[in-house]
């Protein structure tokens, strides 16, 4: 019994840690597509675009040049988040659902662009919902146990939520006060939110102490 009990527990540990290759692909694609998309969309504007002051939503707004570039970027990044949420089986179910919900809100941001003049309540609502969901999803993703990947441990998840909420607060303050750095604050927030799912996936596939080059199936 002493030798069979640990063996019986091994499959559950493997199941908790496994993230399929397509989850790694989607999580890596999200930040790459996001940065590439807003860079290309800004390059296509006929007038100089100030990425420090102007938000990425302006690149997809009605009347923006080649607004389809940023619109497609929102949609593709949202799909990447959804795929990652499905693949991230080591994470808590609540966190995965919040991640998928945030992704869906991001896609709805693309469906509800800013008008050429003034604001859009629908755009503001879905953008806020998406930012909040992508900031707090680690709070529902944490797990306990010796075999839990480091990025899903309670203290790490709490730290991630703290940093993401701080960046969200900075962006909100810029939008409200109009100090001229809303674009920079939004890009810092968006990039951090895009990189964290990738960080979690990498921690699941290559936990601390795992020899380099060893495959997940051999773990």
N, C-alpha and C. Protein backbone atom coordinates (compact mmCIF):
# COMPACT_ATOMS: atom_id res chain seq x y z
N UNK A 1 0.83 -1.20 0.00
CA UNK A 1 0.00 0.00 0.00
C UNK A 1 0.86 1.25 0.00
N UNK A 2 1.99 1.20 0.72
CA UNK A 2 2.86 2.37 0.82
C UNK A 2 3.46 2.75 -0.53
N UNK A 3 3.62 1.74 -1.39
CA UNK A 3 4.21 2.03 -2.70
C UNK A 3 3.16 2.35 -3.76
N UNK A 4 1.95 1.83 -3.59
CA UNK A 4 0.92 2.05 -4.62
C UNK A 4 0.20 3.37 -4.42
N UNK A 5 0.10 3.88 -3.18
CA UNK A 5 -0.64 5.11 -2.94
C UNK A 5 -0.03 6.31 -3.66
N UNK A 6 1.29 6.53 -3.56
CA UNK A 6 1.85 7.65 -4.30
C UNK A 6 1.66 7.52 -5.80
N UNK A 7 1.73 6.28 -6.32
CA UNK A 7 1.52 6.08 -7.75
C UNK A 7 0.10 6.44 -8.15
N UNK A 8 -0.85 6.17 -7.27
CA UNK A 8 -2.25 6.49 -7.56
C UNK A 8 -2.47 7.99 -7.63
N UNK A 9 -1.61 8.75 -6.91
CA UNK A 9 -1.78 10.19 -6.91
C UNK A 9 -1.11 10.85 -8.11
N UNK A 10 -0.18 10.17 -8.75
CA UNK A 10 0.58 10.75 -9.85
C UNK A 10 -0.31 11.21 -11.00
N UNK A 11 -1.28 10.42 -11.47
CA UNK A 11 -2.12 10.88 -12.58
C UNK A 11 -2.82 12.20 -12.31
N UNK A 12 -3.30 12.40 -11.09
CA UNK A 12 -3.99 13.65 -10.80
C UNK A 12 -3.03 14.83 -10.86
N UNK A 13 -1.78 14.63 -10.44
CA UNK A 13 -0.80 15.70 -10.53
C UNK A 13 -0.52 16.03 -11.99
N UNK A 14 -0.39 14.99 -12.82
CA UNK A 14 -0.15 15.22 -14.24
C UNK A 14 -1.32 15.97 -14.87
N UNK A 15 -2.54 15.58 -14.48
CA UNK A 15 -3.71 16.23 -15.05
C UNK A 15 -3.76 17.70 -14.68
N UNK A 16 -3.43 18.01 -13.43
CA UNK A 16 -3.47 19.38 -12.96
C UNK A 16 -2.46 20.24 -13.72
N UNK A 17 -1.31 19.67 -14.07
CA UNK A 17 -0.24 20.47 -14.65
C UNK A 17 -0.28 20.55 -16.18
N UNK A 18 -1.05 19.71 -16.82
CA UNK A 18 -0.98 19.64 -18.27
C UNK A 18 -1.68 20.81 -18.95
N UNK A 19 -0.97 21.45 -19.89
CA UNK A 19 -1.54 22.45 -20.78
C UNK A 19 -1.16 22.02 -22.19
N UNK A 20 -2.11 21.83 -23.09
CA UNK A 20 -1.78 21.36 -24.44
C UNK A 20 -0.99 22.41 -25.22
N UNK A 21 -0.35 21.94 -26.29
CA UNK A 21 0.50 22.83 -27.08
C UNK A 21 -0.26 24.00 -27.66
N UNK A 22 -1.54 23.78 -28.01
CA UNK A 22 -2.30 24.86 -28.61
C UNK A 22 -2.63 25.96 -27.59
N UNK A 23 -2.61 25.59 -26.31
CA UNK A 23 -2.77 26.62 -25.28
C UNK A 23 -1.54 27.49 -25.19
N UNK A 24 -0.37 26.88 -25.35
CA UNK A 24 0.87 27.66 -25.38
C UNK A 24 0.88 28.58 -26.60
N UNK A 25 0.43 28.05 -27.73
CA UNK A 25 0.41 28.86 -28.96
C UNK A 25 -0.51 30.06 -28.82
N UNK A 26 -1.71 29.85 -28.30
CA UNK A 26 -2.67 30.96 -28.17
C UNK A 26 -2.20 31.99 -27.16
N UNK A 27 -1.60 31.53 -26.06
CA UNK A 27 -1.15 32.47 -25.03
C UNK A 27 0.05 33.28 -25.51
N UNK A 28 0.91 32.68 -26.34
CA UNK A 28 2.04 33.42 -26.89
C UNK A 28 1.60 34.36 -28.01
N UNK A 29 0.57 33.98 -28.74
CA UNK A 29 0.10 34.80 -29.85
C UNK A 29 -0.57 36.09 -29.36
N UNK A 30 -1.25 36.04 -28.22
CA UNK A 30 -2.02 37.20 -27.76
C UNK A 30 -1.16 38.46 -27.62
N UNK A 31 -0.07 38.46 -26.84
CA UNK A 31 0.71 39.70 -26.74
C UNK A 31 1.38 40.10 -28.06
N UNK A 32 1.79 39.10 -28.86
CA UNK A 32 2.42 39.41 -30.14
C UNK A 32 1.44 40.09 -31.08
N UNK A 33 0.22 39.56 -31.18
CA UNK A 33 -0.80 40.13 -32.05
C UNK A 33 -1.21 41.52 -31.55
N UNK A 34 -1.32 41.66 -30.23
CA UNK A 34 -1.75 42.94 -29.66
C UNK A 34 -0.76 44.05 -29.99
N UNK A 35 0.52 43.81 -29.71
CA UNK A 35 1.53 44.83 -29.96
C UNK A 35 1.69 45.07 -31.46
N UNK A 36 1.73 43.99 -32.23
CA UNK A 36 1.85 44.14 -33.68
C UNK A 36 0.66 44.87 -34.28
N UNK A 37 -0.53 44.59 -33.77
CA UNK A 37 -1.73 45.22 -34.28
C UNK A 37 -1.79 46.70 -34.01
N UNK A 38 -1.52 47.10 -32.75
CA UNK A 38 -1.62 48.54 -32.48
C UNK A 38 -0.45 49.31 -33.13
N UNK A 39 0.68 48.66 -33.34
CA UNK A 39 1.79 49.31 -34.03
C UNK A 39 1.47 49.54 -35.50
N UNK A 40 0.95 48.52 -36.16
CA UNK A 40 0.61 48.65 -37.57
C UNK A 40 -0.56 49.61 -37.77
N UNK A 41 -1.55 49.55 -36.90
CA UNK A 41 -2.70 50.45 -37.03
C UNK A 41 -2.27 51.91 -36.88
N UNK A 42 -1.36 52.18 -35.94
CA UNK A 42 -0.86 53.54 -35.76
C UNK A 42 -0.06 54.00 -36.97
N UNK A 43 0.70 53.09 -37.57
CA UNK A 43 1.52 53.43 -38.74
C UNK A 43 0.67 53.83 -39.93
N UNK A 44 -0.53 53.29 -40.01
CA UNK A 44 -1.40 53.55 -41.15
C UNK A 44 -2.19 54.86 -41.03
N UNK A 45 -2.10 55.55 -39.91
CA UNK A 45 -2.86 56.79 -39.76
C UNK A 45 -2.21 57.90 -40.58
N UNK A 46 -3.02 58.67 -41.31
CA UNK A 46 -2.46 59.74 -42.16
C UNK A 46 -1.83 60.87 -41.36
N UNK A 47 -2.35 61.12 -40.19
CA UNK A 47 -1.80 62.14 -39.31
C UNK A 47 -0.98 61.47 -38.21
N UNK A 48 0.01 62.18 -37.69
CA UNK A 48 0.83 61.59 -36.61
C UNK A 48 -0.06 61.13 -35.46
N UNK A 49 0.18 59.90 -35.02
CA UNK A 49 -0.58 59.32 -33.92
C UNK A 49 0.31 59.28 -32.69
N UNK A 50 -0.21 59.81 -31.60
CA UNK A 50 0.57 59.89 -30.36
C UNK A 50 0.21 58.70 -29.46
N UNK A 51 1.05 57.67 -29.40
CA UNK A 51 0.71 56.49 -28.59
C UNK A 51 0.74 56.75 -27.09
N UNK A 52 1.34 57.85 -26.69
CA UNK A 52 1.36 58.18 -25.26
C UNK A 52 0.02 58.77 -24.83
N UNK A 53 -0.54 59.61 -25.67
CA UNK A 53 -1.79 60.29 -25.30
C UNK A 53 -3.03 59.61 -25.82
N UNK A 54 -2.94 58.99 -27.01
CA UNK A 54 -4.13 58.44 -27.65
C UNK A 54 -4.29 56.95 -27.35
N UNK A 55 -5.52 56.53 -27.06
CA UNK A 55 -5.79 55.13 -26.74
C UNK A 55 -5.85 54.28 -28.01
N UNK A 56 -5.73 52.99 -27.83
CA UNK A 56 -5.80 52.09 -28.98
C UNK A 56 -7.21 52.04 -29.56
N UNK A 57 -8.21 52.37 -28.74
CA UNK A 57 -9.59 52.38 -29.26
C UNK A 57 -9.74 53.42 -30.37
N UNK A 58 -8.94 54.49 -30.32
CA UNK A 58 -9.01 55.51 -31.36
C UNK A 58 -8.59 54.95 -32.70
N UNK A 59 -7.77 53.90 -32.70
CA UNK A 59 -7.32 53.29 -33.94
C UNK A 59 -8.40 52.45 -34.60
N UNK A 60 -9.42 52.08 -33.82
CA UNK A 60 -10.54 51.31 -34.35
C UNK A 60 -11.82 52.14 -34.41
N UNK A 61 -11.71 53.43 -34.10
CA UNK A 61 -12.89 54.29 -34.06
C UNK A 61 -13.41 54.56 -35.46
N UNK A 62 -14.68 54.90 -35.54
CA UNK A 62 -15.30 55.28 -36.81
C UNK A 62 -14.55 56.48 -37.37
N UNK A 63 -14.11 56.37 -38.61
CA UNK A 63 -13.38 57.46 -39.24
C UNK A 63 -11.87 57.29 -39.21
N UNK A 64 -11.35 56.36 -38.41
CA UNK A 64 -9.91 56.11 -38.38
C UNK A 64 -9.49 55.41 -39.67
N UNK A 65 -8.28 55.69 -40.11
CA UNK A 65 -7.77 55.06 -41.34
C UNK A 65 -7.51 53.58 -41.10
N UNK A 66 -8.00 52.76 -42.02
CA UNK A 66 -7.81 51.31 -41.92
C UNK A 66 -8.16 50.78 -40.52
N UNK A 67 -9.31 51.20 -40.04
CA UNK A 67 -9.73 50.81 -38.70
C UNK A 67 -9.90 49.31 -38.54
N UNK A 68 -9.99 48.60 -39.66
CA UNK A 68 -10.15 47.15 -39.61
C UNK A 68 -8.94 46.47 -38.97
N UNK A 69 -7.76 47.12 -39.05
CA UNK A 69 -6.56 46.50 -38.48
C UNK A 69 -6.71 46.35 -36.97
N UNK A 70 -7.10 47.43 -36.30
CA UNK A 70 -7.25 47.36 -34.84
C UNK A 70 -8.49 46.58 -34.46
N UNK A 71 -9.52 46.65 -35.29
CA UNK A 71 -10.73 45.88 -35.01
C UNK A 71 -10.43 44.39 -35.04
N UNK A 72 -9.70 43.95 -36.06
CA UNK A 72 -9.31 42.55 -36.15
C UNK A 72 -8.36 42.16 -35.01
N UNK A 73 -7.53 43.10 -34.61
CA UNK A 73 -6.61 42.82 -33.49
C UNK A 73 -7.39 42.53 -32.22
N UNK A 74 -8.39 43.36 -31.93
CA UNK A 74 -9.24 43.11 -30.75
C UNK A 74 -9.87 41.71 -30.83
N UNK A 75 -10.39 41.38 -32.00
CA UNK A 75 -11.09 40.11 -32.17
C UNK A 75 -10.13 38.92 -32.03
N UNK A 76 -8.98 39.00 -32.68
CA UNK A 76 -8.03 37.88 -32.65
C UNK A 76 -7.47 37.69 -31.24
N UNK A 77 -7.13 38.77 -30.58
CA UNK A 77 -6.62 38.66 -29.21
C UNK A 77 -7.68 38.06 -28.29
N UNK A 78 -8.94 38.47 -28.48
CA UNK A 78 -10.02 37.89 -27.68
C UNK A 78 -10.15 36.40 -27.91
N UNK A 79 -10.04 35.97 -29.15
CA UNK A 79 -10.11 34.54 -29.46
C UNK A 79 -8.94 33.80 -28.82
N UNK A 80 -7.76 34.42 -28.84
CA UNK A 80 -6.59 33.80 -28.20
C UNK A 80 -6.83 33.60 -26.71
N UNK A 81 -7.42 34.60 -26.06
CA UNK A 81 -7.72 34.47 -24.62
C UNK A 81 -8.71 33.34 -24.37
N UNK A 82 -9.71 33.23 -25.22
CA UNK A 82 -10.71 32.17 -25.04
C UNK A 82 -10.06 30.80 -25.18
N UNK A 83 -9.23 30.63 -26.20
CA UNK A 83 -8.54 29.36 -26.39
C UNK A 83 -7.63 29.06 -25.20
N UNK A 84 -6.93 30.07 -24.72
CA UNK A 84 -6.06 29.88 -23.55
C UNK A 84 -6.86 29.49 -22.33
N UNK A 85 -8.00 30.14 -22.13
CA UNK A 85 -8.85 29.79 -20.98
C UNK A 85 -9.33 28.35 -21.04
N UNK A 86 -9.63 27.87 -22.23
CA UNK A 86 -10.04 26.48 -22.39
C UNK A 86 -8.88 25.54 -22.11
N UNK A 87 -7.70 25.91 -22.57
CA UNK A 87 -6.52 25.05 -22.45
C UNK A 87 -5.93 25.04 -21.04
N UNK A 88 -6.18 26.09 -20.28
CA UNK A 88 -5.51 26.26 -18.99
C UNK A 88 -6.16 25.40 -17.92
N UNK A 89 -6.12 24.09 -18.11
CA UNK A 89 -6.76 23.15 -17.20
C UNK A 89 -6.17 23.12 -15.79
N UNK A 90 -4.90 23.50 -15.61
CA UNK A 90 -4.38 23.53 -14.24
C UNK A 90 -5.01 24.60 -13.37
N UNK A 91 -5.56 25.65 -13.98
CA UNK A 91 -6.11 26.77 -13.21
C UNK A 91 -7.50 26.46 -12.68
N UNK A 92 -7.90 27.20 -11.65
CA UNK A 92 -9.23 27.06 -11.10
C UNK A 92 -10.29 27.42 -12.13
N UNK A 93 -11.42 26.74 -12.08
CA UNK A 93 -12.47 26.93 -13.08
C UNK A 93 -13.02 28.35 -13.07
N UNK A 94 -13.15 28.94 -11.89
CA UNK A 94 -13.70 30.30 -11.81
C UNK A 94 -12.79 31.29 -12.55
N UNK A 95 -11.49 31.17 -12.34
CA UNK A 95 -10.56 32.06 -13.02
C UNK A 95 -10.60 31.89 -14.53
N UNK A 96 -10.71 30.65 -14.98
CA UNK A 96 -10.77 30.39 -16.42
C UNK A 96 -12.04 31.00 -17.02
N UNK A 97 -13.15 30.89 -16.32
CA UNK A 97 -14.40 31.47 -16.81
C UNK A 97 -14.31 32.99 -16.88
N UNK A 98 -13.67 33.60 -15.87
CA UNK A 98 -13.51 35.06 -15.88
C UNK A 98 -12.63 35.49 -17.05
N UNK A 99 -11.57 34.72 -17.30
CA UNK A 99 -10.68 35.02 -18.43
C UNK A 99 -11.46 34.96 -19.75
N UNK A 100 -12.26 33.93 -19.93
CA UNK A 100 -13.06 33.80 -21.15
C UNK A 100 -14.08 34.93 -21.26
N UNK A 101 -14.69 35.29 -20.13
CA UNK A 101 -15.66 36.39 -20.14
C UNK A 101 -14.99 37.71 -20.52
N UNK A 102 -13.79 37.93 -19.99
CA UNK A 102 -13.06 39.14 -20.34
C UNK A 102 -12.71 39.17 -21.82
N UNK A 103 -12.37 38.01 -22.36
CA UNK A 103 -12.07 37.91 -23.79
C UNK A 103 -13.31 38.23 -24.63
N UNK A 104 -14.46 37.71 -24.22
CA UNK A 104 -15.70 37.98 -24.94
C UNK A 104 -16.02 39.48 -24.91
N UNK A 105 -15.77 40.11 -23.76
CA UNK A 105 -16.00 41.56 -23.67
C UNK A 105 -15.08 42.32 -24.61
N UNK A 106 -13.83 41.83 -24.74
CA UNK A 106 -12.91 42.48 -25.66
C UNK A 106 -13.36 42.38 -27.10
N UNK A 107 -13.94 41.25 -27.46
CA UNK A 107 -14.47 41.09 -28.82
C UNK A 107 -15.65 42.05 -29.04
N UNK A 108 -16.46 42.22 -28.00
CA UNK A 108 -17.60 43.15 -28.11
C UNK A 108 -17.13 44.60 -28.20
N UNK A 109 -15.93 44.89 -27.68
CA UNK A 109 -15.34 46.22 -27.88
C UNK A 109 -15.14 46.48 -29.37
N UNK A 110 -14.68 45.45 -30.08
CA UNK A 110 -14.48 45.58 -31.52
C UNK A 110 -15.81 45.78 -32.25
N UNK A 111 -16.85 45.15 -31.74
CA UNK A 111 -18.17 45.25 -32.37
C UNK A 111 -18.81 46.61 -32.11
N UNK A 112 -18.39 47.27 -31.03
CA UNK A 112 -18.95 48.57 -30.64
C UNK A 112 -17.85 49.63 -30.62
N UNK A 113 -17.42 50.10 -31.78
CA UNK A 113 -16.32 51.07 -31.84
C UNK A 113 -16.73 52.44 -31.33
N UNK A 114 -15.73 53.24 -31.02
CA UNK A 114 -16.00 54.63 -30.67
C UNK A 114 -16.49 55.38 -31.90
N UNK A 115 -17.43 56.31 -31.72
CA UNK A 115 -17.86 57.13 -32.87
C UNK A 115 -16.77 58.14 -33.23
N UNK A 116 -16.93 58.78 -34.36
CA UNK A 116 -15.96 59.78 -34.79
C UNK A 116 -15.88 60.93 -33.81
N UNK A 117 -17.00 61.30 -33.23
CA UNK A 117 -17.05 62.38 -32.25
C UNK A 117 -17.83 61.90 -31.02
N UNK A 118 -17.34 62.28 -29.86
CA UNK A 118 -18.03 61.90 -28.63
C UNK A 118 -17.68 60.49 -28.18
N UNK A 119 -18.46 60.02 -27.22
CA UNK A 119 -18.21 58.70 -26.66
C UNK A 119 -19.31 57.71 -27.00
N UNK A 120 -19.08 56.47 -26.63
CA UNK A 120 -20.04 55.39 -26.86
C UNK A 120 -20.24 54.65 -25.56
N UNK A 121 -21.45 54.69 -24.97
CA UNK A 121 -21.69 53.97 -23.72
C UNK A 121 -21.42 52.47 -23.86
N UNK A 122 -21.80 51.89 -24.99
CA UNK A 122 -21.58 50.46 -25.19
C UNK A 122 -20.09 50.14 -25.24
N UNK A 123 -19.34 50.97 -25.96
CA UNK A 123 -17.90 50.76 -26.04
C UNK A 123 -17.26 50.88 -24.66
N UNK A 124 -17.65 51.90 -23.92
CA UNK A 124 -17.08 52.12 -22.59
C UNK A 124 -17.43 50.97 -21.65
N UNK A 125 -18.66 50.47 -21.74
CA UNK A 125 -19.09 49.39 -20.87
C UNK A 125 -18.29 48.12 -21.12
N UNK A 126 -18.18 47.72 -22.39
CA UNK A 126 -17.49 46.47 -22.69
C UNK A 126 -16.00 46.59 -22.48
N UNK A 127 -15.44 47.77 -22.73
CA UNK A 127 -14.02 47.96 -22.46
C UNK A 127 -13.74 47.85 -20.97
N UNK A 128 -14.58 48.47 -20.16
CA UNK A 128 -14.40 48.39 -18.71
C UNK A 128 -14.55 46.97 -18.21
N UNK A 129 -15.60 46.28 -18.70
CA UNK A 129 -15.82 44.90 -18.28
C UNK A 129 -14.64 44.02 -18.66
N UNK A 130 -14.11 44.22 -19.86
CA UNK A 130 -12.98 43.41 -20.29
C UNK A 130 -11.74 43.68 -19.48
N UNK A 131 -11.42 44.94 -19.24
CA UNK A 131 -10.24 45.28 -18.46
C UNK A 131 -10.33 44.73 -17.04
N UNK A 132 -11.49 44.87 -16.42
CA UNK A 132 -11.66 44.39 -15.06
C UNK A 132 -11.52 42.87 -14.99
N UNK A 133 -12.19 42.17 -15.91
CA UNK A 133 -12.13 40.71 -15.91
C UNK A 133 -10.69 40.22 -16.12
N UNK A 134 -9.97 40.83 -17.04
CA UNK A 134 -8.60 40.40 -17.33
C UNK A 134 -7.65 40.77 -16.20
N UNK A 135 -8.07 41.68 -15.33
CA UNK A 135 -7.24 42.04 -14.18
C UNK A 135 -7.47 41.12 -12.99
N UNK A 136 -8.69 40.61 -12.83
CA UNK A 136 -9.01 39.86 -11.61
C UNK A 136 -9.06 38.35 -11.80
N UNK A 137 -8.94 37.85 -13.04
CA UNK A 137 -9.10 36.41 -13.25
C UNK A 137 -8.13 35.56 -12.46
N UNK A 138 -6.88 36.02 -12.18
CA UNK A 138 -6.00 35.17 -11.36
C UNK A 138 -6.54 34.90 -9.97
N UNK A 139 -7.44 35.78 -9.46
CA UNK A 139 -8.01 35.57 -8.13
C UNK A 139 -8.86 34.31 -8.07
N UNK A 140 -9.40 33.90 -9.20
CA UNK A 140 -10.19 32.67 -9.24
C UNK A 140 -9.46 31.50 -9.83
N UNK A 141 -8.17 31.70 -10.15
CA UNK A 141 -7.40 30.65 -10.82
C UNK A 141 -6.45 29.91 -9.90
N UNK A 142 -6.23 30.41 -8.69
CA UNK A 142 -5.22 29.82 -7.82
C UNK A 142 -5.61 28.42 -7.36
N UNK A 143 -4.58 27.65 -7.08
CA UNK A 143 -4.75 26.29 -6.57
C UNK A 143 -3.77 26.07 -5.42
N UNK A 144 -4.07 25.09 -4.57
CA UNK A 144 -3.17 24.74 -3.47
C UNK A 144 -2.61 23.34 -3.70
N UNK A 145 -1.46 23.08 -3.12
CA UNK A 145 -0.88 21.76 -3.22
C UNK A 145 0.57 21.80 -3.65
N UNK A 146 1.33 20.78 -3.31
CA UNK A 146 2.76 20.76 -3.66
C UNK A 146 3.03 20.69 -5.15
N UNK A 147 2.09 20.17 -5.93
CA UNK A 147 2.31 20.03 -7.35
C UNK A 147 1.77 21.17 -8.18
N UNK A 148 1.30 22.25 -7.54
CA UNK A 148 0.71 23.36 -8.27
C UNK A 148 1.81 24.22 -8.90
N UNK A 149 1.70 24.54 -10.18
CA UNK A 149 2.68 25.43 -10.83
C UNK A 149 2.80 26.75 -10.07
N UNK A 150 4.00 27.31 -10.08
CA UNK A 150 4.26 28.48 -9.24
C UNK A 150 3.34 29.66 -9.55
N UNK A 151 2.96 29.87 -10.82
CA UNK A 151 2.13 31.01 -11.18
C UNK A 151 0.68 30.85 -10.75
N UNK A 152 0.30 29.67 -10.26
CA UNK A 152 -1.06 29.44 -9.78
C UNK A 152 -1.12 29.32 -8.26
N UNK A 153 -0.02 29.59 -7.60
CA UNK A 153 -0.04 29.56 -6.14
C UNK A 153 -0.73 30.80 -5.61
N UNK A 154 -1.40 30.70 -4.47
CA UNK A 154 -2.21 31.83 -3.96
C UNK A 154 -1.46 33.15 -3.86
N UNK A 155 -0.24 33.13 -3.31
CA UNK A 155 0.50 34.38 -3.13
C UNK A 155 0.85 35.02 -4.47
N UNK A 156 1.21 34.20 -5.44
CA UNK A 156 1.58 34.72 -6.76
C UNK A 156 0.35 35.30 -7.46
N UNK A 157 -0.77 34.59 -7.37
CA UNK A 157 -2.01 35.09 -7.98
C UNK A 157 -2.44 36.40 -7.34
N UNK A 158 -2.30 36.49 -6.03
CA UNK A 158 -2.66 37.74 -5.34
C UNK A 158 -1.76 38.88 -5.80
N UNK A 159 -0.48 38.59 -5.97
CA UNK A 159 0.43 39.62 -6.45
C UNK A 159 0.10 40.05 -7.87
N UNK A 160 -0.26 39.09 -8.72
CA UNK A 160 -0.63 39.42 -10.10
C UNK A 160 -1.86 40.31 -10.15
N UNK A 161 -2.87 39.97 -9.35
CA UNK A 161 -4.09 40.79 -9.31
C UNK A 161 -3.77 42.20 -8.81
N UNK A 162 -2.92 42.30 -7.81
CA UNK A 162 -2.56 43.60 -7.26
C UNK A 162 -1.90 44.48 -8.33
N UNK A 163 -0.95 43.91 -9.06
CA UNK A 163 -0.26 44.68 -10.09
C UNK A 163 -1.22 45.08 -11.21
N UNK A 164 -2.05 44.13 -11.65
CA UNK A 164 -2.97 44.42 -12.75
C UNK A 164 -4.02 45.46 -12.36
N UNK A 165 -4.51 45.38 -11.13
CA UNK A 165 -5.48 46.38 -10.67
C UNK A 165 -4.83 47.75 -10.52
N UNK A 166 -3.56 47.77 -10.12
CA UNK A 166 -2.85 49.04 -10.02
C UNK A 166 -2.72 49.68 -11.41
N UNK A 167 -2.35 48.89 -12.40
CA UNK A 167 -2.25 49.41 -13.77
C UNK A 167 -3.61 49.87 -14.29
N UNK A 168 -4.66 49.12 -13.93
CA UNK A 168 -6.01 49.52 -14.33
C UNK A 168 -6.40 50.84 -13.68
N UNK A 169 -6.05 51.01 -12.41
CA UNK A 169 -6.36 52.26 -11.71
C UNK A 169 -5.61 53.43 -12.34
N UNK A 170 -4.36 53.19 -12.74
CA UNK A 170 -3.58 54.25 -13.40
C UNK A 170 -4.23 54.67 -14.71
N UNK A 171 -4.68 53.69 -15.47
CA UNK A 171 -5.35 54.00 -16.73
C UNK A 171 -6.65 54.75 -16.49
N UNK A 172 -7.43 54.29 -15.50
CA UNK A 172 -8.68 54.98 -15.18
C UNK A 172 -8.44 56.41 -14.74
N UNK A 173 -7.39 56.62 -13.97
CA UNK A 173 -7.08 57.98 -13.51
C UNK A 173 -6.70 58.87 -14.69
N UNK A 174 -5.97 58.30 -15.65
CA UNK A 174 -5.59 59.08 -16.83
C UNK A 174 -6.81 59.46 -17.66
N UNK A 175 -7.73 58.52 -17.82
CA UNK A 175 -8.94 58.79 -18.59
C UNK A 175 -9.77 59.89 -17.92
N UNK A 176 -9.86 59.83 -16.60
CA UNK A 176 -10.70 60.78 -15.86
C UNK A 176 -10.06 62.16 -15.81
N UNK A 177 -8.76 62.20 -15.54
CA UNK A 177 -8.09 63.49 -15.35
C UNK A 177 -7.63 64.12 -16.66
N UNK A 178 -7.44 63.30 -17.71
CA UNK A 178 -6.99 63.84 -18.98
C UNK A 178 -5.61 64.47 -18.93
N UNK A 179 -4.68 63.82 -18.26
CA UNK A 179 -3.33 64.36 -18.10
C UNK A 179 -2.43 64.11 -19.32
N UNK A 180 -2.95 63.38 -20.31
CA UNK A 180 -2.21 63.23 -21.55
C UNK A 180 -1.38 61.97 -21.66
N UNK A 181 -1.57 61.00 -20.77
CA UNK A 181 -0.81 59.76 -20.86
C UNK A 181 -1.72 58.53 -20.84
N UNK A 182 -2.95 58.72 -21.29
CA UNK A 182 -3.91 57.61 -21.30
C UNK A 182 -3.46 56.49 -22.23
N UNK A 183 -2.89 56.83 -23.36
CA UNK A 183 -2.43 55.81 -24.30
C UNK A 183 -1.32 54.96 -23.72
N UNK A 184 -0.37 55.60 -23.05
CA UNK A 184 0.73 54.86 -22.43
C UNK A 184 0.23 53.96 -21.32
N UNK A 185 -0.68 54.49 -20.49
CA UNK A 185 -1.22 53.70 -19.39
C UNK A 185 -2.02 52.51 -19.91
N UNK A 186 -2.79 52.73 -20.99
CA UNK A 186 -3.59 51.64 -21.54
C UNK A 186 -2.70 50.56 -22.15
N UNK A 187 -1.63 50.97 -22.83
CA UNK A 187 -0.73 49.98 -23.43
C UNK A 187 0.00 49.17 -22.36
N UNK A 188 0.40 49.81 -21.29
CA UNK A 188 1.05 49.08 -20.20
C UNK A 188 0.10 48.07 -19.59
N UNK A 189 -1.16 48.48 -19.39
CA UNK A 189 -2.17 47.58 -18.84
C UNK A 189 -2.47 46.44 -19.79
N UNK A 190 -2.70 46.77 -21.06
CA UNK A 190 -3.04 45.73 -22.04
C UNK A 190 -1.94 44.72 -22.22
N UNK A 191 -0.70 45.18 -22.26
CA UNK A 191 0.42 44.26 -22.44
C UNK A 191 0.59 43.36 -21.22
N UNK A 192 0.45 43.93 -20.02
CA UNK A 192 0.57 43.12 -18.81
C UNK A 192 -0.53 42.06 -18.76
N UNK A 193 -1.74 42.44 -19.13
CA UNK A 193 -2.84 41.48 -19.13
C UNK A 193 -2.65 40.41 -20.19
N UNK A 194 -1.97 40.73 -21.28
CA UNK A 194 -1.73 39.74 -22.33
C UNK A 194 -0.59 38.80 -21.96
N UNK A 195 0.40 39.31 -21.24
CA UNK A 195 1.57 38.51 -20.90
C UNK A 195 1.30 37.54 -19.75
N UNK A 196 0.40 37.91 -18.82
CA UNK A 196 0.20 37.05 -17.66
C UNK A 196 -0.34 35.66 -18.00
N UNK A 197 -1.33 35.50 -18.87
CA UNK A 197 -1.75 34.13 -19.23
C UNK A 197 -0.61 33.30 -19.80
N UNK A 198 0.26 33.93 -20.60
CA UNK A 198 1.42 33.22 -21.13
C UNK A 198 2.35 32.78 -20.01
N UNK A 199 2.54 33.66 -19.03
CA UNK A 199 3.39 33.32 -17.88
C UNK A 199 2.83 32.12 -17.13
N UNK A 200 1.51 32.10 -16.94
CA UNK A 200 0.88 30.99 -16.24
C UNK A 200 1.05 29.69 -17.04
N UNK A 201 0.84 29.76 -18.34
CA UNK A 201 0.99 28.57 -19.18
C UNK A 201 2.41 28.04 -19.12
N UNK A 202 3.39 28.92 -19.20
CA UNK A 202 4.78 28.49 -19.15
C UNK A 202 5.11 27.85 -17.80
N UNK A 203 4.54 28.39 -16.72
CA UNK A 203 4.79 27.80 -15.41
C UNK A 203 4.16 26.41 -15.29
N UNK A 204 3.07 26.19 -16.01
CA UNK A 204 2.41 24.88 -15.99
C UNK A 204 3.20 23.86 -16.81
N UNK A 205 3.77 24.30 -17.90
CA UNK A 205 4.51 23.39 -18.77
C UNK A 205 5.94 23.15 -18.30
N UNK A 206 6.48 24.12 -17.59
CA UNK A 206 7.86 24.00 -17.11
C UNK A 206 7.94 24.46 -15.66
N UNK A 207 7.41 23.66 -14.73
CA UNK A 207 7.43 24.04 -13.33
C UNK A 207 8.84 24.14 -12.78
N UNK A 208 8.99 24.85 -11.67
CA UNK A 208 10.30 25.01 -11.04
C UNK A 208 10.87 23.65 -10.69
N UNK A 209 12.12 23.46 -11.00
CA UNK A 209 12.79 22.20 -10.67
C UNK A 209 12.73 21.18 -11.77
N UNK A 210 11.99 21.45 -12.86
CA UNK A 210 11.88 20.50 -13.96
C UNK A 210 13.11 20.64 -14.86
N UNK A 211 13.81 19.57 -15.18
CA UNK A 211 15.00 19.66 -16.02
C UNK A 211 14.68 20.26 -17.38
N UNK A 212 15.59 21.11 -17.87
CA UNK A 212 15.39 21.72 -19.18
C UNK A 212 15.37 20.65 -20.25
N UNK A 213 14.39 20.76 -21.14
CA UNK A 213 14.27 19.80 -22.22
C UNK A 213 13.36 18.64 -21.89
N UNK A 214 12.97 18.49 -20.62
CA UNK A 214 12.06 17.40 -20.26
C UNK A 214 10.65 17.77 -20.65
N UNK A 215 9.96 16.90 -21.28
CA UNK A 215 8.62 17.18 -21.78
C UNK A 215 7.60 17.08 -20.67
N UNK A 216 6.46 17.73 -20.89
CA UNK A 216 5.39 17.71 -19.90
C UNK A 216 4.87 16.29 -19.68
N UNK A 217 4.81 15.51 -20.74
CA UNK A 217 4.28 14.16 -20.59
C UNK A 217 5.18 13.29 -19.75
N UNK A 218 6.47 13.69 -19.67
CA UNK A 218 7.39 12.91 -18.86
C UNK A 218 7.42 13.37 -17.43
N UNK A 219 6.75 14.51 -17.14
CA UNK A 219 6.77 15.06 -15.79
C UNK A 219 6.01 14.16 -14.83
